[in-house]
Amino acid sequence: MGARPGRRSETWTIDGDGLNDLTFYGGIESNSTLFREVSKRLKPLPRYSSTMLLTDIPALFENSYSIALDTQLMKIDQVEPTTFLGQKGVRFMYSFSLKGEDVRRKGEASGAIISGKLYLISFEAPELFYFDRDVAGYRNIVAAAKLGLPQS
C-alpha cells in the first residue's frame, strides 16, 4: 500500500498487497506511531497516547493513514462500540483512495486499549469484489482473536 507498518505491526494478504490487507497492531505503546515515519520533520505522524479514549482511535487511524499514504481521500464512515480481545473496544469502517488512483478501497478495524497499550486489527480491500468477498474472514479472525499477555 505504501505505508510501512511499524515495529509492533504485521500485515498479511491472500491475493497480494493492496488487494486484501489484514494488519495486526500489537501492543502499541504510548508515544508510538502506527506506521514507520515517512518524514519525521516534514510530515510527522500522530502518536498514540495511553490517555486516549476508545473514541480517539478512529481519528488516530485516519490521521495516520492520511499522512503515511499521502492522501486526503480518507474517511471514517462509521464508528461503534464492540468487544475486542474480551475488552471494551471500538469498531470502525473507513474508505479511502490512494493519490493518483481511481480505485476506492473499504476497510474495517477493531481495537481496544489494554494495560495502556493499543491493540488493533484492520482489514482493507478494493470496494469492488475483494472487500465483500473477504470481509467475513476478517470478522471471523477478530471474533476468535485472543491476547496472550505475559505472566507476571
N, C-alpha and C. Protein backbone atom coordinates (compact mmCIF):
# COMPACT_ATOMS: atom_id res chain seq x y z
N MET A 1 0.82 -1.19 0.00
CA MET A 1 0.00 0.00 0.00
C MET A 1 0.87 1.25 0.00
N GLY A 2 2.05 1.16 0.51
CA GLY A 2 2.91 2.33 0.57
C GLY A 2 3.30 2.68 1.98
N ALA A 3 2.39 2.58 2.91
CA ALA A 3 2.71 2.85 4.32
C ALA A 3 3.40 1.61 4.88
N ARG A 4 4.53 1.83 5.52
CA ARG A 4 5.25 0.70 6.10
C ARG A 4 4.78 0.49 7.53
N PRO A 5 4.36 -0.73 7.84
CA PRO A 5 3.91 -0.99 9.20
C PRO A 5 5.00 -0.68 10.21
N GLY A 6 4.59 -0.31 11.40
CA GLY A 6 5.54 -0.01 12.47
C GLY A 6 6.13 -1.28 13.06
N ARG A 7 7.00 -1.11 14.05
CA ARG A 7 7.68 -2.24 14.69
C ARG A 7 6.70 -3.22 15.32
N ARG A 8 5.59 -2.74 15.81
CA ARG A 8 4.64 -3.59 16.53
C ARG A 8 3.44 -3.97 15.65
N SER A 9 3.66 -4.10 14.34
CA SER A 9 2.56 -4.49 13.46
C SER A 9 3.05 -5.44 12.37
N GLU A 10 2.07 -6.13 11.80
CA GLU A 10 2.37 -7.12 10.77
C GLU A 10 1.19 -7.18 9.82
N THR A 11 1.46 -7.25 8.52
CA THR A 11 0.40 -7.30 7.51
C THR A 11 0.42 -8.64 6.79
N TRP A 12 -0.77 -9.21 6.62
CA TRP A 12 -0.95 -10.44 5.86
C TRP A 12 -1.82 -10.13 4.65
N THR A 13 -1.67 -10.91 3.58
CA THR A 13 -2.52 -10.79 2.41
C THR A 13 -2.68 -12.16 1.76
N ILE A 14 -3.78 -12.35 1.06
CA ILE A 14 -4.01 -13.60 0.33
C ILE A 14 -3.65 -13.41 -1.14
N ASP A 15 -4.17 -12.34 -1.75
CA ASP A 15 -4.02 -12.13 -3.18
C ASP A 15 -2.94 -11.12 -3.55
N GLY A 16 -2.32 -10.50 -2.57
CA GLY A 16 -1.26 -9.53 -2.86
C GLY A 16 -1.54 -8.19 -2.21
N ASP A 17 -0.46 -7.47 -1.96
CA ASP A 17 -0.54 -6.16 -1.32
C ASP A 17 -1.49 -5.25 -2.09
N GLY A 18 -2.40 -4.63 -1.37
CA GLY A 18 -3.35 -3.71 -1.98
C GLY A 18 -4.64 -4.37 -2.43
N LEU A 19 -4.67 -5.71 -2.47
CA LEU A 19 -5.90 -6.39 -2.88
C LEU A 19 -6.71 -6.85 -1.68
N ASN A 20 -6.04 -7.27 -0.63
CA ASN A 20 -6.71 -7.59 0.63
C ASN A 20 -5.63 -7.63 1.71
N ASP A 21 -5.62 -6.63 2.54
CA ASP A 21 -4.59 -6.49 3.57
C ASP A 21 -5.20 -6.61 4.96
N LEU A 22 -4.67 -7.51 5.74
CA LEU A 22 -5.07 -7.72 7.13
C LEU A 22 -3.86 -7.32 7.98
N THR A 23 -4.03 -6.30 8.81
CA THR A 23 -2.90 -5.81 9.60
C THR A 23 -3.20 -5.92 11.08
N PHE A 24 -2.25 -6.48 11.81
CA PHE A 24 -2.32 -6.64 13.26
C PHE A 24 -1.39 -5.60 13.89
N TYR A 25 -1.93 -4.80 14.78
CA TYR A 25 -1.14 -3.83 15.54
C TYR A 25 -1.14 -4.35 16.98
N GLY A 26 0.01 -4.81 17.46
CA GLY A 26 0.05 -5.49 18.75
C GLY A 26 0.80 -4.75 19.82
N GLY A 27 0.08 -4.23 20.78
CA GLY A 27 0.73 -3.59 21.92
C GLY A 27 1.45 -2.31 21.58
N ILE A 28 0.79 -1.42 20.85
CA ILE A 28 1.38 -0.12 20.51
C ILE A 28 1.49 0.69 21.80
N GLU A 29 2.70 1.07 22.13
CA GLU A 29 2.95 1.79 23.38
C GLU A 29 2.74 3.28 23.22
N SER A 30 2.51 3.94 24.34
CA SER A 30 2.32 5.38 24.36
C SER A 30 3.51 6.07 23.68
N ASN A 31 3.22 7.13 22.93
CA ASN A 31 4.19 7.94 22.20
C ASN A 31 4.77 7.21 20.99
N SER A 32 4.06 6.17 20.50
CA SER A 32 4.48 5.44 19.31
C SER A 32 3.50 5.71 18.17
N THR A 33 3.97 5.50 16.95
CA THR A 33 3.13 5.68 15.76
C THR A 33 2.65 4.32 15.26
N LEU A 34 1.58 4.34 14.47
CA LEU A 34 1.08 3.10 13.87
C LEU A 34 1.99 2.63 12.73
N PHE A 35 2.59 3.59 12.02
CA PHE A 35 3.46 3.29 10.88
C PHE A 35 4.86 3.83 11.14
N ARG A 36 5.80 3.37 10.34
CA ARG A 36 7.13 3.97 10.39
C ARG A 36 7.02 5.37 9.82
N GLU A 37 7.79 6.27 10.38
CA GLU A 37 7.74 7.67 9.95
C GLU A 37 8.11 7.79 8.47
N VAL A 38 7.35 8.61 7.74
CA VAL A 38 7.65 8.93 6.35
C VAL A 38 8.73 10.01 6.34
N SER A 39 8.46 11.08 7.06
CA SER A 39 9.40 12.19 7.23
C SER A 39 9.08 12.83 8.57
N LYS A 40 9.85 12.46 9.57
CA LYS A 40 9.58 12.91 10.94
C LYS A 40 9.54 14.43 11.05
N ARG A 41 10.38 15.10 10.26
CA ARG A 41 10.47 16.55 10.34
C ARG A 41 9.38 17.23 9.51
N LEU A 42 9.16 16.76 8.28
CA LEU A 42 8.22 17.42 7.38
C LEU A 42 6.78 16.93 7.52
N LYS A 43 6.61 15.64 7.80
CA LYS A 43 5.27 15.05 7.91
C LYS A 43 5.22 14.12 9.11
N PRO A 44 5.27 14.66 10.31
CA PRO A 44 5.25 13.78 11.49
C PRO A 44 3.91 13.06 11.63
N LEU A 45 3.99 11.80 11.95
CA LEU A 45 2.78 11.01 12.18
C LEU A 45 2.24 11.26 13.58
N PRO A 46 0.93 11.19 13.73
CA PRO A 46 0.36 11.31 15.08
C PRO A 46 0.80 10.12 15.93
N ARG A 47 0.88 10.36 17.21
CA ARG A 47 1.35 9.33 18.13
C ARG A 47 0.21 8.87 19.04
N TYR A 48 0.20 7.59 19.29
CA TYR A 48 -0.75 7.02 20.23
C TYR A 48 -0.37 7.45 21.64
N SER A 49 -1.37 7.72 22.46
CA SER A 49 -1.16 8.04 23.87
C SER A 49 -2.05 7.13 24.72
N SER A 50 -1.50 6.62 25.79
CA SER A 50 -2.27 5.73 26.66
C SER A 50 -3.42 6.47 27.34
N THR A 51 -3.44 7.80 27.25
CA THR A 51 -4.55 8.58 27.83
C THR A 51 -5.70 8.76 26.84
N MET A 52 -5.54 8.26 25.61
CA MET A 52 -6.61 8.38 24.62
C MET A 52 -7.83 7.58 25.05
N LEU A 53 -8.98 8.04 24.60
CA LEU A 53 -10.22 7.30 24.77
C LEU A 53 -10.40 6.39 23.56
N LEU A 54 -11.23 5.37 23.70
CA LEU A 54 -11.50 4.49 22.57
C LEU A 54 -12.01 5.27 21.36
N THR A 55 -12.79 6.31 21.62
CA THR A 55 -13.34 7.11 20.53
C THR A 55 -12.27 7.93 19.80
N ASP A 56 -11.07 8.04 20.37
CA ASP A 56 -9.96 8.74 19.72
C ASP A 56 -9.23 7.85 18.71
N ILE A 57 -9.39 6.55 18.82
CA ILE A 57 -8.64 5.61 17.99
C ILE A 57 -8.97 5.76 16.50
N PRO A 58 -10.24 5.87 16.09
CA PRO A 58 -10.50 6.07 14.66
C PRO A 58 -9.83 7.33 14.10
N ALA A 59 -9.81 8.41 14.87
CA ALA A 59 -9.16 9.65 14.40
C ALA A 59 -7.65 9.45 14.28
N LEU A 60 -7.04 8.75 15.23
CA LEU A 60 -5.60 8.43 15.15
C LEU A 60 -5.33 7.64 13.87
N PHE A 61 -6.16 6.66 13.60
CA PHE A 61 -6.03 5.81 12.42
C PHE A 61 -6.17 6.64 11.14
N GLU A 62 -7.23 7.45 11.09
CA GLU A 62 -7.49 8.28 9.91
C GLU A 62 -6.34 9.26 9.65
N ASN A 63 -5.90 9.95 10.68
CA ASN A 63 -4.81 10.92 10.51
C ASN A 63 -3.50 10.24 10.13
N SER A 64 -3.25 9.07 10.70
CA SER A 64 -2.03 8.32 10.36
C SER A 64 -2.06 7.90 8.89
N TYR A 65 -3.20 7.38 8.43
CA TYR A 65 -3.33 6.98 7.03
C TYR A 65 -3.16 8.16 6.09
N SER A 66 -3.80 9.28 6.41
CA SER A 66 -3.73 10.45 5.54
C SER A 66 -2.28 10.88 5.31
N ILE A 67 -1.47 10.83 6.37
CA ILE A 67 -0.07 11.24 6.25
C ILE A 67 0.77 10.12 5.62
N ALA A 68 0.66 8.91 6.13
CA ALA A 68 1.51 7.80 5.66
C ALA A 68 1.24 7.44 4.20
N LEU A 69 -0.02 7.54 3.77
CA LEU A 69 -0.38 7.21 2.39
C LEU A 69 -0.45 8.44 1.50
N ASP A 70 -0.19 9.61 2.08
CA ASP A 70 -0.21 10.87 1.35
C ASP A 70 -1.54 11.05 0.60
N THR A 71 -2.64 10.88 1.32
CA THR A 71 -3.96 11.06 0.71
C THR A 71 -4.87 11.83 1.65
N GLN A 72 -5.64 12.71 1.08
CA GLN A 72 -6.68 13.40 1.84
C GLN A 72 -8.03 12.75 1.56
N LEU A 73 -8.00 11.66 0.83
CA LEU A 73 -9.23 10.96 0.45
C LEU A 73 -9.52 9.80 1.39
N MET A 74 -9.29 10.02 2.68
CA MET A 74 -9.52 9.02 3.73
C MET A 74 -10.67 9.50 4.59
N LYS A 75 -11.61 8.59 4.88
CA LYS A 75 -12.79 8.99 5.65
C LYS A 75 -13.23 7.85 6.56
N ILE A 76 -13.53 8.19 7.82
CA ILE A 76 -14.14 7.23 8.73
C ILE A 76 -15.65 7.29 8.47
N ASP A 77 -16.23 6.17 8.08
CA ASP A 77 -17.64 6.13 7.69
C ASP A 77 -18.59 5.79 8.83
N GLN A 78 -18.12 5.00 9.79
CA GLN A 78 -19.00 4.56 10.88
C GLN A 78 -18.13 4.14 12.06
N VAL A 79 -18.59 4.45 13.27
CA VAL A 79 -17.89 4.06 14.50
C VAL A 79 -18.93 3.50 15.46
N GLU A 80 -18.58 2.38 16.12
CA GLU A 80 -19.50 1.79 17.09
C GLU A 80 -18.71 1.04 18.17
N PRO A 81 -19.31 0.92 19.35
CA PRO A 81 -18.64 0.15 20.41
C PRO A 81 -18.69 -1.34 20.07
N THR A 82 -17.72 -2.06 20.57
CA THR A 82 -17.67 -3.50 20.36
C THR A 82 -16.90 -4.14 21.51
N THR A 83 -16.87 -5.44 21.52
CA THR A 83 -15.98 -6.18 22.42
C THR A 83 -14.86 -6.72 21.55
N PHE A 84 -13.63 -6.45 21.95
CA PHE A 84 -12.46 -6.88 21.19
C PHE A 84 -11.42 -7.42 22.17
N LEU A 85 -10.95 -8.61 21.93
CA LEU A 85 -9.99 -9.27 22.83
C LEU A 85 -10.54 -9.37 24.25
N GLY A 86 -11.86 -9.51 24.35
CA GLY A 86 -12.51 -9.65 25.64
C GLY A 86 -12.64 -8.35 26.43
N GLN A 87 -12.36 -7.23 25.79
CA GLN A 87 -12.40 -5.92 26.45
C GLN A 87 -13.36 -4.99 25.71
N LYS A 88 -13.72 -3.89 26.37
CA LYS A 88 -14.47 -2.85 25.67
C LYS A 88 -13.58 -2.31 24.56
N GLY A 89 -14.17 -2.19 23.38
CA GLY A 89 -13.38 -1.75 22.23
C GLY A 89 -14.18 -0.86 21.31
N VAL A 90 -13.59 -0.57 20.17
CA VAL A 90 -14.22 0.26 19.16
C VAL A 90 -14.06 -0.46 17.82
N ARG A 91 -15.12 -0.37 17.02
CA ARG A 91 -15.12 -0.92 15.66
C ARG A 91 -15.44 0.23 14.73
N PHE A 92 -14.69 0.34 13.64
CA PHE A 92 -14.99 1.41 12.70
C PHE A 92 -14.75 0.97 11.27
N MET A 93 -15.55 1.55 10.39
CA MET A 93 -15.45 1.31 8.97
C MET A 93 -14.89 2.58 8.33
N TYR A 94 -14.09 2.39 7.30
CA TYR A 94 -13.47 3.54 6.64
C TYR A 94 -13.36 3.29 5.15
N SER A 95 -13.09 4.35 4.42
CA SER A 95 -12.90 4.24 2.98
C SER A 95 -11.83 5.25 2.57
N PHE A 96 -11.13 4.91 1.49
CA PHE A 96 -10.08 5.81 1.01
C PHE A 96 -9.70 5.45 -0.42
N SER A 97 -9.04 6.40 -1.05
CA SER A 97 -8.42 6.18 -2.36
C SER A 97 -7.00 6.70 -2.27
N LEU A 98 -6.11 6.03 -2.96
CA LEU A 98 -4.73 6.48 -2.99
C LEU A 98 -4.56 7.57 -4.04
N LYS A 99 -3.64 8.46 -3.78
CA LYS A 99 -3.36 9.55 -4.71
C LYS A 99 -2.98 8.97 -6.07
N GLY A 100 -3.62 9.47 -7.13
CA GLY A 100 -3.31 9.03 -8.47
C GLY A 100 -4.01 7.74 -8.89
N GLU A 101 -4.91 7.22 -8.05
CA GLU A 101 -5.65 6.00 -8.39
C GLU A 101 -7.15 6.28 -8.37
N ASP A 102 -7.88 5.53 -9.17
CA ASP A 102 -9.34 5.64 -9.17
C ASP A 102 -9.99 4.55 -8.34
N VAL A 103 -9.19 3.65 -7.78
CA VAL A 103 -9.72 2.52 -7.01
C VAL A 103 -10.17 3.00 -5.64
N ARG A 104 -11.44 2.77 -5.32
CA ARG A 104 -11.97 3.10 -4.00
C ARG A 104 -11.79 1.87 -3.11
N ARG A 105 -11.22 2.08 -1.94
CA ARG A 105 -10.97 0.98 -1.01
C ARG A 105 -11.86 1.14 0.22
N LYS A 106 -12.28 0.00 0.77
CA LYS A 106 -13.05 -0.01 2.01
C LYS A 106 -12.24 -0.74 3.07
N GLY A 107 -12.48 -0.36 4.31
CA GLY A 107 -11.78 -1.03 5.39
C GLY A 107 -12.64 -1.11 6.63
N GLU A 108 -12.22 -1.98 7.52
CA GLU A 108 -12.88 -2.14 8.81
C GLU A 108 -11.79 -2.45 9.82
N ALA A 109 -11.93 -1.91 11.02
CA ALA A 109 -10.93 -2.15 12.07
C ALA A 109 -11.63 -2.28 13.42
N SER A 110 -11.02 -3.08 14.28
CA SER A 110 -11.48 -3.23 15.67
C SER A 110 -10.27 -3.08 16.56
N GLY A 111 -10.46 -2.36 17.67
CA GLY A 111 -9.34 -2.14 18.57
C GLY A 111 -9.78 -1.98 20.01
N ALA A 112 -8.80 -2.09 20.89
CA ALA A 112 -9.02 -1.90 22.33
C ALA A 112 -7.72 -1.41 22.95
N ILE A 113 -7.86 -0.73 24.07
CA ILE A 113 -6.71 -0.30 24.86
C ILE A 113 -6.66 -1.21 26.08
N ILE A 114 -5.57 -1.96 26.20
CA ILE A 114 -5.42 -2.94 27.27
C ILE A 114 -4.10 -2.67 27.98
N SER A 115 -4.17 -2.45 29.28
CA SER A 115 -2.99 -2.12 30.08
C SER A 115 -2.20 -0.97 29.47
N GLY A 116 -2.92 0.02 28.93
CA GLY A 116 -2.31 1.22 28.38
C GLY A 116 -1.76 1.07 26.97
N LYS A 117 -1.88 -0.11 26.37
CA LYS A 117 -1.36 -0.35 25.02
C LYS A 117 -2.51 -0.54 24.04
N LEU A 118 -2.29 -0.13 22.80
CA LEU A 118 -3.30 -0.23 21.76
C LEU A 118 -3.14 -1.53 20.99
N TYR A 119 -4.24 -2.25 20.87
CA TYR A 119 -4.31 -3.47 20.06
C TYR A 119 -5.38 -3.23 19.01
N LEU A 120 -5.05 -3.53 17.75
CA LEU A 120 -5.95 -3.21 16.65
C LEU A 120 -5.74 -4.23 15.54
N ILE A 121 -6.83 -4.62 14.90
CA ILE A 121 -6.75 -5.43 13.68
C ILE A 121 -7.56 -4.70 12.62
N SER A 122 -6.95 -4.48 11.45
CA SER A 122 -7.66 -3.81 10.37
C SER A 122 -7.64 -4.67 9.11
N PHE A 123 -8.66 -4.48 8.30
CA PHE A 123 -8.77 -5.17 7.02
C PHE A 123 -9.19 -4.14 5.98
N GLU A 124 -8.55 -4.20 4.83
CA GLU A 124 -8.97 -3.31 3.75
C GLU A 124 -8.73 -3.97 2.41
N ALA A 125 -9.57 -3.58 1.45
CA ALA A 125 -9.50 -4.15 0.11
C ALA A 125 -10.26 -3.22 -0.84
N PRO A 126 -10.02 -3.36 -2.16
CA PRO A 126 -10.81 -2.59 -3.10
C PRO A 126 -12.30 -2.86 -2.88
N GLU A 127 -13.07 -1.79 -2.98
CA GLU A 127 -14.52 -1.87 -2.75
C GLU A 127 -15.17 -2.88 -3.70
N LEU A 128 -14.72 -2.89 -4.94
CA LEU A 128 -15.27 -3.83 -5.91
C LEU A 128 -14.66 -5.20 -5.70
N PHE A 129 -15.45 -6.18 -5.50
CA PHE A 129 -15.13 -7.60 -5.41
C PHE A 129 -14.40 -8.01 -4.14
N TYR A 130 -13.17 -7.56 -3.92
CA TYR A 130 -12.33 -8.10 -2.84
C TYR A 130 -12.88 -7.83 -1.44
N PHE A 131 -13.38 -6.62 -1.18
CA PHE A 131 -13.84 -6.33 0.18
C PHE A 131 -14.99 -7.26 0.57
N ASP A 132 -16.02 -7.29 -0.25
CA ASP A 132 -17.19 -8.12 0.07
C ASP A 132 -16.83 -9.60 0.12
N ARG A 133 -15.92 -10.03 -0.73
CA ARG A 133 -15.53 -11.44 -0.75
C ARG A 133 -14.81 -11.85 0.54
N ASP A 134 -13.98 -10.96 1.11
CA ASP A 134 -13.08 -11.34 2.19
C ASP A 134 -13.42 -10.80 3.58
N VAL A 135 -14.38 -9.88 3.69
CA VAL A 135 -14.64 -9.25 4.99
C VAL A 135 -15.15 -10.25 6.03
N ALA A 136 -15.87 -11.28 5.63
CA ALA A 136 -16.36 -12.28 6.60
C ALA A 136 -15.19 -13.02 7.24
N GLY A 137 -14.16 -13.32 6.48
CA GLY A 137 -12.97 -13.97 7.03
C GLY A 137 -12.28 -13.09 8.05
N TYR A 138 -12.19 -11.80 7.75
CA TYR A 138 -11.62 -10.84 8.71
C TYR A 138 -12.44 -10.84 10.00
N ARG A 139 -13.74 -10.78 9.87
CA ARG A 139 -14.60 -10.74 11.06
C ARG A 139 -14.47 -12.01 11.89
N ASN A 140 -14.26 -13.14 11.25
CA ASN A 140 -14.03 -14.39 11.98
C ASN A 140 -12.72 -14.33 12.76
N ILE A 141 -11.69 -13.77 12.16
CA ILE A 141 -10.40 -13.63 12.85
C ILE A 141 -10.55 -12.72 14.06
N VAL A 142 -11.24 -11.60 13.89
CA VAL A 142 -11.44 -10.66 15.01
C VAL A 142 -12.22 -11.34 16.14
N ALA A 143 -13.26 -12.08 15.78
CA ALA A 143 -14.09 -12.75 16.81
C ALA A 143 -13.29 -13.81 17.57
N ALA A 144 -12.34 -14.44 16.91
CA ALA A 144 -11.57 -15.51 17.54
C ALA A 144 -10.28 -15.02 18.20
N ALA A 145 -9.93 -13.76 17.98
CA ALA A 145 -8.65 -13.24 18.49
C ALA A 145 -8.59 -13.28 20.01
N LYS A 146 -7.44 -13.69 20.51
CA LYS A 146 -7.18 -13.73 21.95
C LYS A 146 -5.83 -13.08 22.19
N LEU A 147 -5.68 -12.53 23.37
CA LEU A 147 -4.43 -11.87 23.72
C LEU A 147 -3.73 -12.68 24.79
N GLY A 148 -2.54 -13.13 24.49
CA GLY A 148 -1.74 -13.86 25.47
C GLY A 148 -0.78 -12.90 26.15
N LEU A 149 -1.23 -12.30 27.24
CA LEU A 149 -0.36 -11.38 27.98
C LEU A 149 0.66 -12.16 28.79
N PRO A 150 1.87 -11.64 28.91
CA PRO A 150 2.90 -12.34 29.69
C PRO A 150 2.46 -12.52 31.14
N GLN A 151 2.81 -13.66 31.71
CA GLN A 151 2.52 -13.94 33.12
C GLN A 151 3.51 -13.19 34.00
N SER A 152 3.03 -12.63 35.10
CA SER A 152 3.96 -11.92 35.99
C SER A 152 4.25 -12.71 37.23
